[in-house]
Amino acid sequence: MPSVEDGMRFDITVLGRYTYLATIVFWGAIAGALLRRAGALKRAAKTILVLYPVAYVWDWYTLEVGVFDIIERTGIEVAGIPLEEHCFIVVVPSLVLGFHETLHDLTAAKADGE
């Protein structure tokens, strides 16, 4: 099977304008499962709520100045940025916190002798 270095890439654009949103939903589901398993949904929600305004401004600015462009998107904009970016702003810290809380939970369980 050819490798990525040989030019073989998986076509993730099969969902058309919903491709980016679908990938965000996929990773968001993993983040939610990790946070639920660790019992950290409320703590994570508080952290994300505090981070959201900073991330929003950062995202809005980078889109405005042309740092990046999102090609495969729904076309729905909310408050000046694509819907997918609002989801991204929530999913990325959720995933980080989900892994953090899960690792912390596993470490604590190991220390307790489970």
C-alpha atoms as a PDB file:
ATOM      1  CA  MET A   1       0.000   0.000   0.000  1.00  0.00           C
ATOM      2  CA  PRO A   2       1.452   3.397  -0.947  1.00  0.00           C
ATOM      3  CA  SER A   3       2.390   5.689   1.919  1.00  0.00           C
ATOM      4  CA  VAL A   4       1.536   9.338   2.491  1.00  0.00           C
ATOM      5  CA  GLU A   5       5.080  10.171   1.418  1.00  0.00           C
ATOM      6  CA  ASP A   6       4.324   8.543  -1.963  1.00  0.00           C
ATOM      7  CA  GLY A   7       1.359  10.847  -2.439  1.00  0.00           C
ATOM      8  CA  MET A   8      -1.360   8.449  -1.230  1.00  0.00           C
ATOM      9  CA  ARG A   9      -3.824  10.271   0.981  1.00  0.00           C
ATOM     10  CA  PHE A  10      -7.237   9.352   2.302  1.00  0.00           C
ATOM     11  CA  ASP A  11     -10.003  11.472   0.822  1.00  0.00           C
ATOM     12  CA  ILE A  12     -11.733  12.944   3.861  1.00  0.00           C
ATOM     13  CA  THR A  13     -13.822  15.281   1.726  1.00  0.00           C
ATOM     14  CA  VAL A  14     -16.430  12.639   0.881  1.00  0.00           C
ATOM     15  CA  LEU A  15     -18.982  14.461   3.060  1.00  0.00           C
ATOM     16  CA  GLY A  16     -18.558  17.636   1.035  1.00  0.00           C
ATOM     17  CA  ARG A  17     -19.374  20.782   2.937  1.00  0.00           C
ATOM     18  CA  TYR A  18     -20.060  18.737   6.096  1.00  0.00           C
ATOM     19  CA  THR A  19     -16.570  17.191   6.193  1.00  0.00           C
ATOM     20  CA  TYR A  20     -15.067  19.557   8.764  1.00  0.00           C
ATOM     21  CA  LEU A  21     -18.178  19.480  10.941  1.00  0.00           C
ATOM     22  CA  ALA A  22     -18.233  15.662  10.850  1.00  0.00           C
ATOM     23  CA  THR A  23     -14.617  15.424  11.998  1.00  0.00           C
ATOM     24  CA  ILE A  24     -15.308  17.863  14.819  1.00  0.00           C
ATOM     25  CA  VAL A  25     -18.360  15.857  15.911  1.00  0.00           C
ATOM     26  CA  PHE A  26     -16.272  12.653  15.828  1.00  0.00           C
ATOM     27  CA  TRP A  27     -13.537  14.081  18.059  1.00  0.00           C
ATOM     28  CA  GLY A  28     -16.131  15.834  20.216  1.00  0.00           C
ATOM     29  CA  ALA A  29     -17.786  12.486  20.910  1.00  0.00           C
ATOM     30  CA  ILE A  30     -14.444  11.071  22.029  1.00  0.00           C
ATOM     31  CA  ALA A  31     -13.850  14.118  24.230  1.00  0.00           C
ATOM     32  CA  GLY A  32     -17.306  13.812  25.767  1.00  0.00           C
ATOM     33  CA  ALA A  33     -16.807  10.105  26.478  1.00  0.00           C
ATOM     34  CA  LEU A  34     -13.453  10.748  28.157  1.00  0.00           C
ATOM     35  CA  LEU A  35     -14.854  13.571  30.285  1.00  0.00           C
ATOM     36  CA  ARG A  36     -17.884  11.531  31.272  1.00  0.00           C
ATOM     37  CA  ARG A  37     -15.734   8.530  32.177  1.00  0.00           C
ATOM     38  CA  ALA A  38     -13.563  10.728  34.394  1.00  0.00           C
ATOM     39  CA  GLY A  39     -16.588  12.468  35.927  1.00  0.00           C
ATOM     40  CA  ALA A  40     -15.247  15.821  34.776  1.00  0.00           C
ATOM     41  CA  LEU A  41     -18.003  17.216  32.543  1.00  0.00           C
ATOM     42  CA  LYS A  42     -18.886  20.122  34.863  1.00  0.00           C
ATOM     43  CA  ARG A  43     -15.252  21.069  35.565  1.00  0.00           C
ATOM     44  CA  ALA A  44     -14.441  20.971  31.864  1.00  0.00           C
ATOM     45  CA  ALA A  45     -17.510  23.059  30.991  1.00  0.00           C
ATOM     46  CA  LYS A  46     -16.394  25.789  33.407  1.00  0.00           C
ATOM     47  CA  THR A  47     -12.891  25.853  31.938  1.00  0.00           C
ATOM     48  CA  ILE A  48     -14.182  25.940  28.360  1.00  0.00           C
ATOM     49  CA  LEU A  49     -16.609  28.737  29.233  1.00  0.00           C
ATOM     50  CA  VAL A  50     -13.695  30.840  30.491  1.00  0.00           C
ATOM     51  CA  LEU A  51     -11.499  30.007  27.471  1.00  0.00           C
ATOM     52  CA  TYR A  52     -14.213  30.496  24.858  1.00  0.00           C
ATOM     53  CA  PRO A  53     -14.088  34.323  24.508  1.00  0.00           C
ATOM     54  CA  VAL A  54     -10.310  34.313  24.071  1.00  0.00           C
ATOM     55  CA  ALA A  55     -10.465  31.505  21.527  1.00  0.00           C
ATOM     56  CA  TYR A  56     -13.315  33.226  19.684  1.00  0.00           C
ATOM     57  CA  VAL A  57     -11.387  36.480  19.275  1.00  0.00           C
ATOM     58  CA  TRP A  58      -8.256  34.585  18.253  1.00  0.00           C
ATOM     59  CA  ASP A  59     -10.209  32.553  15.679  1.00  0.00           C
ATOM     60  CA  TRP A  60     -12.106  35.557  14.327  1.00  0.00           C
ATOM     61  CA  TYR A  61      -8.876  37.538  13.932  1.00  0.00           C
ATOM     62  CA  THR A  62      -6.950  34.761  12.160  1.00  0.00           C
ATOM     63  CA  LEU A  63      -9.819  34.291   9.712  1.00  0.00           C
ATOM     64  CA  GLU A  64     -10.099  38.050   9.105  1.00  0.00           C
ATOM     65  CA  VAL A  65      -6.414  38.497   8.278  1.00  0.00           C
ATOM     66  CA  GLY A  66      -6.346  35.359   6.137  1.00  0.00           C
ATOM     67  CA  VAL A  67      -4.092  33.143   8.235  1.00  0.00           C
ATOM     68  CA  PHE A  68      -6.234  30.191   7.179  1.00  0.00           C
ATOM     69  CA  ASP A  69      -9.337  29.413   5.165  1.00  0.00           C
ATOM     70  CA  ILE A  70     -11.786  26.584   5.729  1.00  0.00           C
ATOM     71  CA  ILE A  71     -12.743  25.095   2.384  1.00  0.00           C
ATOM     72  CA  GLU A  72     -14.958  22.138   3.339  1.00  0.00           C
ATOM     73  CA  ARG A  73     -17.504  23.806   5.600  1.00  0.00           C
ATOM     74  CA  THR A  74     -21.257  24.199   5.860  1.00  0.00           C
ATOM     75  CA  GLY A  75     -21.242  27.890   5.028  1.00  0.00           C
ATOM     76  CA  ILE A  76     -23.183  28.753   8.168  1.00  0.00           C
ATOM     77  CA  GLU A  77     -21.653  31.688  10.036  1.00  0.00           C
ATOM     78  CA  VAL A  78     -22.485  32.684  13.589  1.00  0.00           C
ATOM     79  CA  ALA A  79     -21.133  35.931  15.074  1.00  0.00           C
ATOM     80  CA  GLY A  80     -18.626  36.369  12.268  1.00  0.00           C
ATOM     81  CA  ILE A  81     -17.028  32.918  12.242  1.00  0.00           C
ATOM     82  CA  PRO A  82     -18.090  29.581  10.734  1.00  0.00           C
ATOM     83  CA  LEU A  83     -20.295  27.294  12.804  1.00  0.00           C
ATOM     84  CA  GLU A  84     -17.543  24.681  12.669  1.00  0.00           C
ATOM     85  CA  GLU A  85     -15.119  27.038  14.372  1.00  0.00           C
ATOM     86  CA  HIS A  86     -17.470  27.537  17.311  1.00  0.00           C
ATOM     87  CA  CYS A  87     -17.573  23.752  17.668  1.00  0.00           C
ATOM     88  CA  PHE A  88     -13.791  23.560  17.289  1.00  0.00           C
ATOM     89  CA  ILE A  89     -13.352  26.118  20.085  1.00  0.00           C
ATOM     90  CA  VAL A  90     -15.289  23.772  22.382  1.00  0.00           C
ATOM     91  CA  VAL A  91     -13.948  20.425  21.160  1.00  0.00           C
ATOM     92  CA  VAL A  92     -10.205  21.104  21.310  1.00  0.00           C
ATOM     93  CA  PRO A  93     -10.060  22.022  25.004  1.00  0.00           C
ATOM     94  CA  SER A  94     -12.622  19.279  25.721  1.00  0.00           C
ATOM     95  CA  LEU A  95     -10.354  16.694  24.168  1.00  0.00           C
ATOM     96  CA  VAL A  96      -7.287  17.987  25.996  1.00  0.00           C
ATOM     97  CA  LEU A  97      -9.152  18.073  29.305  1.00  0.00           C
ATOM     98  CA  GLY A  98     -10.683  14.662  28.593  1.00  0.00           C
ATOM     99  CA  PHE A  99      -7.260  13.093  28.164  1.00  0.00           C
ATOM    100  CA  HIS A 100      -5.886  14.979  31.165  1.00  0.00           C
ATOM    101  CA  GLU A 101      -8.724  13.938  33.449  1.00  0.00           C
ATOM    102  CA  THR A 102      -8.638  10.342  32.230  1.00  0.00           C
ATOM    103  CA  LEU A 103      -4.890  10.079  32.773  1.00  0.00           C
ATOM    104  CA  HIS A 104      -5.234  11.694  36.196  1.00  0.00           C
ATOM    105  CA  ASP A 105      -8.068   9.311  37.069  1.00  0.00           C
ATOM    106  CA  LEU A 106      -6.043   6.277  35.943  1.00  0.00           C
ATOM    107  CA  THR A 107      -2.984   7.448  37.873  1.00  0.00           C
ATOM    108  CA  ALA A 108      -5.067   7.978  41.015  1.00  0.00           C
ATOM    109  CA  ALA A 109      -6.659   4.537  40.638  1.00  0.00           C
ATOM    110  CA  LYS A 110      -3.231   2.924  40.252  1.00  0.00           C
ATOM    111  CA  ALA A 111      -1.970   4.722  43.367  1.00  0.00           C
ATOM    112  CA  ASP A 112      -5.022   3.447  45.270  1.00  0.00           C
ATOM    113  CA  GLY A 113      -4.168  -0.108  44.224  1.00  0.00           C
ATOM    114  CA  GLU A 114      -6.998  -0.743  41.796  1.00  0.00           C
END
